[in-house]
Amino acid sequence: MSVNPPEARNTSSKELLLVVMHSSQDEALAEAISDLLKSALGLVSGQIRRHSEGHWPAGTKSQAAFPEELKASKLVVGLITPRSLASSSLMFDLGARWGAGLPVTLLLAEVRPDDLAGALHFVDTQIIVDETSLQQFIESVSKPLALRLQNPQLYSHHRAWVRQLAGELLNEVQPTMAKPAASESAIPQAGLYLSVERTPPEQVIEVKATIPIKVFRVEYMLTNEMCIVGENVELEGDILSVPLKHALIMKMWNTRRFDMNPNDRSGPAKIAVTISANGKLRQCVLPVQMEHGLIDSTVFPKLTGSKNFEGG
């Protein structure tokens, strides 16, 4: 189903809305991301462009013209991979855009948020984990541009292609990364146990891991794993309490769901927690049940659920 927000506007085909910045070594992935955004947001020629460090638009008389275009675009998306982290010019341009108070978001592929340095550590980030996280990225781009989202079926193949290229990225860059060789059996795998604890409106997901992990994101989902809302977090350790925001639970609770109880809106849902263990990102999806909870004469949605996740 197409999503048509009332504030969506018609834009001139000559108006530059979006610039995707990337390393010259990530041309294929950047092109796939651009094609995905074109298809998902209905962008036409002239509204979206790609730029890599050291490469400037055809016909540009000098590199000095590029900063003006960088400032003129409504939004800049920086594609951050292990290769682009080594580009000081790319990092500088993205940091300068953010420092000028202009909208910028970073899309991370096989990179962790804590790998970012300087000003970029404070920039909004999205992580390519799966097709659900890519859909969340598309939605985050559409909002500041006030563009309509197209029917997801029209761009599902673009989304799958981006995910495939991002998954292949690790194998491509590993030979150039200076890491000690180790067999898979020699690397400890993270076993995880997730459970919803405490009482509303201060519920948390208790995460117990067999090795130290980092938690980057929490997403509130329907049972079909469509993300309703999510937020980035920064937690590290082997026993963690990940806060569940009451306002975000309410957004999920108030969403019309095919499997909800029509009398009181209770029913199943899912909470996804994105973690990093041994340098690998992993999304753990926890099934939960939403029920009415009465605390001090006030009714709150109460979540219950727990699950073991095997090492991997």
Protein backbone atom coordinates (compact mmCIF):
# COMPACT_ATOMS: atom_id res chain seq x y z
CA MET A 1 0.00 0.00 0.00
CA SER A 2 1.32 3.41 -0.92
CA VAL A 3 1.84 5.88 1.87
CA ASN A 4 0.71 9.39 0.96
CA PRO A 5 1.45 11.85 3.76
CA PRO A 6 -0.67 14.99 3.55
CA GLU A 7 2.39 17.22 3.64
CA ALA A 8 3.89 15.56 0.53
CA ARG A 9 4.69 18.15 -2.10
CA ASN A 10 5.37 18.28 -5.80
CA THR A 11 8.93 19.28 -6.56
CA SER A 12 10.53 20.64 -9.67
CA SER A 13 12.59 18.14 -11.61
CA LYS A 14 15.37 20.74 -11.62
CA GLU A 15 15.48 21.03 -7.82
CA LEU A 16 18.38 19.10 -6.29
CA LEU A 17 16.92 17.24 -3.33
CA LEU A 18 19.43 14.55 -2.49
CA VAL A 19 23.16 13.89 -2.85
CA VAL A 20 24.62 10.45 -2.10
CA MET A 21 28.29 10.79 -1.14
CA HIS A 22 30.56 7.76 -1.20
CA SER A 23 34.03 6.39 -1.77
CA SER A 24 35.08 5.89 -5.38
CA GLN A 25 35.61 2.23 -4.45
CA ASP A 26 31.93 1.84 -3.52
CA GLU A 27 30.42 2.86 -6.87
CA ALA A 28 28.29 -0.28 -7.28
CA LEU A 29 26.71 -0.08 -3.82
CA ALA A 30 26.17 3.70 -4.10
CA GLU A 31 24.49 3.26 -7.48
CA ALA A 32 22.22 0.55 -6.06
CA ILE A 33 21.26 2.84 -3.15
CA SER A 34 20.53 5.70 -5.56
CA ASP A 35 18.35 3.44 -7.69
CA LEU A 36 16.52 2.29 -4.55
CA LEU A 37 15.80 5.88 -3.47
CA LYS A 38 14.70 6.87 -6.97
CA SER A 39 12.23 3.99 -7.11
CA ALA A 40 10.99 4.32 -3.51
CA LEU A 41 10.57 8.11 -3.52
CA GLY A 42 9.70 8.71 -7.18
CA LEU A 43 12.76 10.89 -7.77
CA VAL A 44 13.52 12.02 -11.31
CA SER A 45 16.70 13.10 -13.06
CA GLY A 46 18.13 16.23 -11.49
CA GLN A 47 16.67 15.55 -8.04
CA ILE A 48 19.29 13.01 -6.91
CA ARG A 49 23.00 12.79 -7.67
CA ARG A 50 25.95 10.69 -6.59
CA HIS A 51 29.38 12.06 -5.77
CA SER A 52 32.54 10.26 -4.74
CA GLU A 53 35.69 11.88 -3.42
CA GLY A 54 37.92 13.08 -6.22
CA HIS A 55 35.17 12.74 -8.83
CA TRP A 56 33.13 15.76 -9.86
CA PRO A 57 30.08 16.21 -12.09
CA ALA A 58 30.61 16.15 -15.85
CA GLY A 59 31.01 19.67 -17.21
CA THR A 60 32.06 21.15 -13.89
CA LYS A 61 34.76 23.72 -14.53
CA SER A 62 36.41 23.32 -11.16
CA GLN A 63 36.16 21.33 -7.98
CA ALA A 64 35.16 24.55 -6.22
CA ALA A 65 31.67 24.15 -7.70
CA PHE A 66 30.97 21.02 -5.71
CA PRO A 67 30.75 22.56 -2.22
CA GLU A 68 27.99 24.87 -3.53
CA GLU A 69 26.02 21.86 -4.74
CA LEU A 70 26.68 20.12 -1.45
CA LYS A 71 25.18 23.08 0.39
CA ALA A 72 22.26 23.47 -2.04
CA SER A 73 20.89 19.93 -1.73
CA LYS A 74 18.02 19.40 0.69
CA LEU A 75 19.65 16.30 2.19
CA VAL A 76 23.01 14.54 1.95
CA VAL A 77 23.33 10.79 2.52
CA GLY A 78 26.85 9.60 3.31
CA LEU A 79 27.53 5.94 2.48
CA ILE A 80 30.04 4.77 5.08
CA THR A 81 31.93 1.52 4.48
CA PRO A 82 35.34 0.32 5.71
CA ARG A 83 36.82 1.78 2.53
CA SER A 84 35.18 5.22 2.82
CA LEU A 85 36.41 5.55 6.40
CA ALA A 86 39.89 5.89 4.90
CA SER A 87 38.85 8.88 2.75
CA SER A 88 39.75 12.03 4.68
CA SER A 89 38.17 14.28 2.01
CA LEU A 90 34.85 12.44 2.19
CA MET A 91 34.82 12.55 5.99
CA PHE A 92 35.70 16.27 5.89
CA ASP A 93 32.89 17.15 3.46
CA LEU A 94 30.30 15.23 5.47
CA GLY A 95 31.52 16.78 8.72
CA ALA A 96 31.45 20.27 7.17
CA ARG A 97 27.86 19.75 6.00
CA TRP A 98 26.81 18.69 9.51
CA GLY A 99 28.80 21.53 11.10
CA ALA A 100 26.91 24.04 8.92
CA GLY A 101 23.64 22.82 10.44
CA LEU A 102 22.45 21.26 7.17
CA PRO A 103 20.60 17.90 7.10
CA VAL A 104 22.85 14.89 6.68
CA THR A 105 22.39 11.21 7.48
CA LEU A 106 24.87 8.34 7.33
CA LEU A 107 24.12 4.87 5.99
CA LEU A 108 26.54 2.33 7.48
CA ALA A 109 27.53 -0.87 5.67
CA GLU A 110 29.80 -3.23 7.64
CA VAL A 111 30.75 -0.27 9.86
CA ARG A 112 29.79 0.35 13.48
CA PRO A 113 28.66 3.75 14.80
CA ASP A 114 31.62 3.86 17.20
CA ASP A 115 33.98 3.57 14.20
CA LEU A 116 33.03 7.14 13.29
CA ALA A 117 35.37 9.90 14.45
CA GLY A 118 35.07 13.61 15.12
CA ALA A 119 31.81 15.38 14.29
CA LEU A 120 30.43 12.35 12.43
CA HIS A 121 30.04 10.55 15.74
CA PHE A 122 27.06 12.87 16.41
CA VAL A 123 25.36 12.53 13.00
CA ASP A 124 22.16 10.49 12.63
CA THR A 125 22.96 7.01 11.36
CA GLN A 126 21.13 4.08 9.81
CA ILE A 127 22.67 0.60 9.55
CA ILE A 128 22.15 -1.83 6.68
CA VAL A 129 21.15 -4.97 8.55
CA ASP A 130 18.31 -6.41 6.47
CA GLU A 131 15.50 -5.26 4.20
CA THR A 132 13.53 -4.00 7.21
CA SER A 133 16.35 -1.66 8.21
CA LEU A 134 16.59 -0.47 4.59
CA GLN A 135 12.88 0.35 4.64
CA GLN A 136 13.47 2.32 7.84
CA PHE A 137 16.26 4.21 6.04
CA ILE A 138 13.98 5.03 3.10
CA GLU A 139 11.33 6.37 5.47
CA SER A 140 13.91 8.49 7.30
CA VAL A 141 14.96 10.04 3.98
CA SER A 142 11.41 10.69 2.79
CA LYS A 143 10.38 12.74 5.85
CA PRO A 144 12.75 15.74 5.55
CA LEU A 145 12.14 15.81 1.78
CA ALA A 146 8.33 15.58 2.23
CA LEU A 147 8.11 12.98 -0.54
CA ARG A 148 5.52 10.25 -0.99
CA LEU A 149 6.58 6.67 -0.46
CA GLN A 150 5.80 4.46 -3.43
CA ASN A 151 4.29 0.99 -3.16
CA PRO A 152 7.03 -1.17 -1.52
CA GLN A 153 6.40 -3.93 -4.06
CA LEU A 154 7.68 -1.60 -6.78
CA TYR A 155 11.14 -1.37 -5.25
CA SER A 156 11.52 -4.65 -3.33
CA HIS A 157 14.05 -5.91 -5.91
CA HIS A 158 16.15 -2.74 -5.45
CA ARG A 159 16.09 -3.27 -1.69
CA ALA A 160 17.20 -6.89 -2.06
CA TRP A 161 20.03 -5.86 -4.42
CA VAL A 162 21.36 -3.27 -1.95
CA ARG A 163 21.28 -5.86 0.81
CA GLN A 164 23.16 -8.38 -1.35
CA LEU A 165 25.90 -5.89 -2.28
CA ALA A 166 26.24 -4.76 1.33
CA GLY A 167 26.57 -8.40 2.43
CA GLU A 168 29.29 -9.00 -0.15
CA LEU A 169 31.22 -5.96 1.03
CA LEU A 170 32.76 -7.68 4.04
CA ASN A 171 34.24 -10.45 1.92
CA GLU A 172 35.69 -7.87 -0.49
CA VAL A 173 37.44 -5.75 2.13
CA GLN A 174 38.59 -8.46 4.52
CA PRO A 175 41.77 -9.35 2.57
CA THR A 176 42.96 -5.73 2.88
CA MET A 177 42.22 -5.40 6.58
CA ALA A 178 45.09 -6.09 8.97
CA LYS A 179 43.51 -8.61 11.31
CA PRO A 180 45.11 -11.71 12.81
CA ALA A 181 43.97 -14.90 11.16
CA ALA A 182 41.63 -17.02 13.22
CA SER A 183 39.40 -19.95 12.44
CA GLU A 184 35.67 -19.65 13.08
CA SER A 185 35.95 -22.29 15.80
CA ALA A 186 38.54 -20.16 17.62
CA ILE A 187 36.23 -17.10 17.77
CA PRO A 188 33.78 -17.16 20.69
CA GLN A 189 30.18 -16.87 19.47
CA ALA A 190 27.59 -14.73 21.23
CA GLY A 191 24.77 -16.63 22.92
CA LEU A 192 21.97 -14.24 23.90
CA TYR A 193 18.92 -14.25 26.14
CA LEU A 194 16.39 -11.42 25.77
CA SER A 195 13.44 -10.83 28.06
CA VAL A 196 11.05 -7.96 28.81
CA GLU A 197 11.29 -6.95 32.46
CA ARG A 198 9.95 -4.38 34.95
CA THR A 199 6.59 -2.63 34.95
CA PRO A 200 5.15 0.05 32.63
CA PRO A 201 5.93 2.77 31.82
CA GLU A 202 9.55 1.83 32.59
CA GLN A 203 9.89 -1.56 30.95
CA VAL A 204 13.25 -2.69 29.59
CA ILE A 205 14.65 -5.53 27.55
CA GLU A 206 17.19 -7.38 29.65
CA VAL A 207 19.98 -8.66 27.42
CA LYS A 208 22.30 -11.35 28.77
CA ALA A 209 25.19 -12.39 26.52
CA THR A 210 27.97 -14.93 26.82
CA ILE A 211 30.50 -12.38 25.52
CA PRO A 212 30.61 -8.54 25.56
CA ILE A 213 28.31 -7.00 22.95
CA LYS A 214 27.17 -3.57 21.79
CA VAL A 215 23.54 -2.60 21.22
CA PHE A 216 22.92 -0.03 18.47
CA ARG A 217 19.20 0.06 17.73
CA VAL A 218 15.74 -0.91 18.99
CA GLU A 219 12.81 -1.26 16.56
CA TYR A 220 9.12 -1.68 17.40
CA MET A 221 7.48 -4.01 14.86
CA LEU A 222 4.25 -5.68 13.83
CA THR A 223 4.26 -9.47 13.67
CA ASN A 224 5.09 -9.31 9.95
CA GLU A 225 8.26 -7.44 11.05
CA MET A 226 7.17 -4.14 9.54
CA CYS A 227 8.94 -1.49 11.63
CA ILE A 228 6.55 1.11 13.07
CA VAL A 229 9.19 3.20 14.84
CA GLY A 230 12.77 2.79 16.03
CA GLU A 231 15.59 4.59 17.77
CA ASN A 232 19.36 4.35 17.98
CA VAL A 233 20.93 3.46 21.32
CA GLU A 234 24.49 3.05 22.59
CA LEU A 235 24.99 0.35 25.21
CA GLU A 236 27.89 -2.03 25.80
CA GLY A 237 28.50 -5.01 28.06
CA ASP A 238 27.37 -8.60 28.62
CA ILE A 239 24.36 -7.80 30.84
CA LEU A 240 22.36 -4.81 29.61
CA SER A 241 19.03 -3.13 30.30
CA VAL A 242 17.74 -1.62 27.07
CA PRO A 243 15.00 0.95 27.83
CA LEU A 244 11.66 0.59 26.06
CA LYS A 245 10.19 4.04 25.43
CA HIS A 246 6.53 4.31 26.47
CA ALA A 247 5.80 6.81 23.67
CA LEU A 248 7.18 4.38 21.06
CA ILE A 249 5.25 1.45 22.52
CA MET A 250 2.11 3.59 22.22
CA LYS A 251 2.79 4.16 18.51
CA MET A 252 2.89 0.39 18.01
CA TRP A 253 -0.17 -0.09 20.26
CA ASN A 254 -2.21 2.50 18.33
CA THR A 255 -1.32 1.07 14.91
CA ARG A 256 -4.18 -0.89 13.38
CA ARG A 257 -3.06 -4.54 13.32
CA PHE A 258 -4.73 -7.52 11.67
CA ASP A 259 -4.00 -9.75 14.67
CA MET A 260 -5.02 -7.38 17.46
CA ASN A 261 -8.00 -7.85 19.76
CA PRO A 262 -10.57 -5.34 18.42
CA ASN A 263 -12.04 -4.88 21.90
CA ASP A 264 -8.93 -3.69 23.74
CA ARG A 265 -6.14 -3.51 21.07
CA SER A 266 -4.07 -6.21 22.81
CA GLY A 267 -2.21 -8.77 20.75
CA PRO A 268 1.20 -9.94 19.49
CA ALA A 269 4.04 -7.75 18.24
CA LYS A 270 7.84 -7.87 17.96
CA ILE A 271 10.82 -5.91 19.27
CA ALA A 272 14.06 -6.05 17.23
CA VAL A 273 17.40 -5.34 18.88
CA THR A 274 20.45 -4.76 16.65
CA ILE A 275 23.73 -5.75 18.27
CA SER A 276 27.38 -6.13 17.36
CA ALA A 277 29.43 -9.10 18.53
CA ASN A 278 32.93 -9.96 17.31
CA GLY A 279 32.66 -7.17 14.75
CA LYS A 280 29.49 -8.59 13.17
CA LEU A 281 26.06 -6.97 13.23
CA ARG A 282 23.09 -9.10 14.17
CA GLN A 283 19.38 -8.34 14.56
CA CYS A 284 17.56 -10.30 17.26
CA VAL A 285 13.77 -10.23 16.85
CA LEU A 286 11.91 -10.86 20.10
CA PRO A 287 8.20 -11.84 19.89
CA VAL A 288 6.15 -10.06 22.56
CA GLN A 289 2.54 -9.97 23.74
CA MET A 290 0.92 -6.59 24.39
CA GLU A 291 -1.69 -6.50 27.15
CA HIS A 292 -3.37 -3.91 29.35
CA GLY A 293 -1.44 -3.23 32.55
CA LEU A 294 -2.94 -1.35 35.50
CA ILE A 295 -0.35 0.58 37.52
CA ASP A 296 -1.58 2.89 40.31
CA SER A 297 -5.02 3.18 38.69
CA THR A 298 -3.44 4.11 35.34
CA VAL A 299 -3.69 1.82 32.32
CA PHE A 300 -0.48 1.18 30.35
CA PRO A 301 0.35 -1.23 27.52
CA LYS A 302 2.41 -4.02 29.09
CA LEU A 303 4.81 -6.17 27.08
CA THR A 304 5.80 -9.73 27.95
CA GLY A 305 8.17 -12.04 26.14
CA SER A 306 11.53 -13.81 26.25
CA LYS A 307 13.72 -15.80 23.88
CA ASN A 308 17.11 -17.50 23.64
CA PHE A 309 19.28 -16.76 20.59
CA GLU A 310 21.98 -19.29 19.81
CA GLY A 311 25.55 -18.19 19.15
CA GLY A 312 26.30 -17.04 15.62
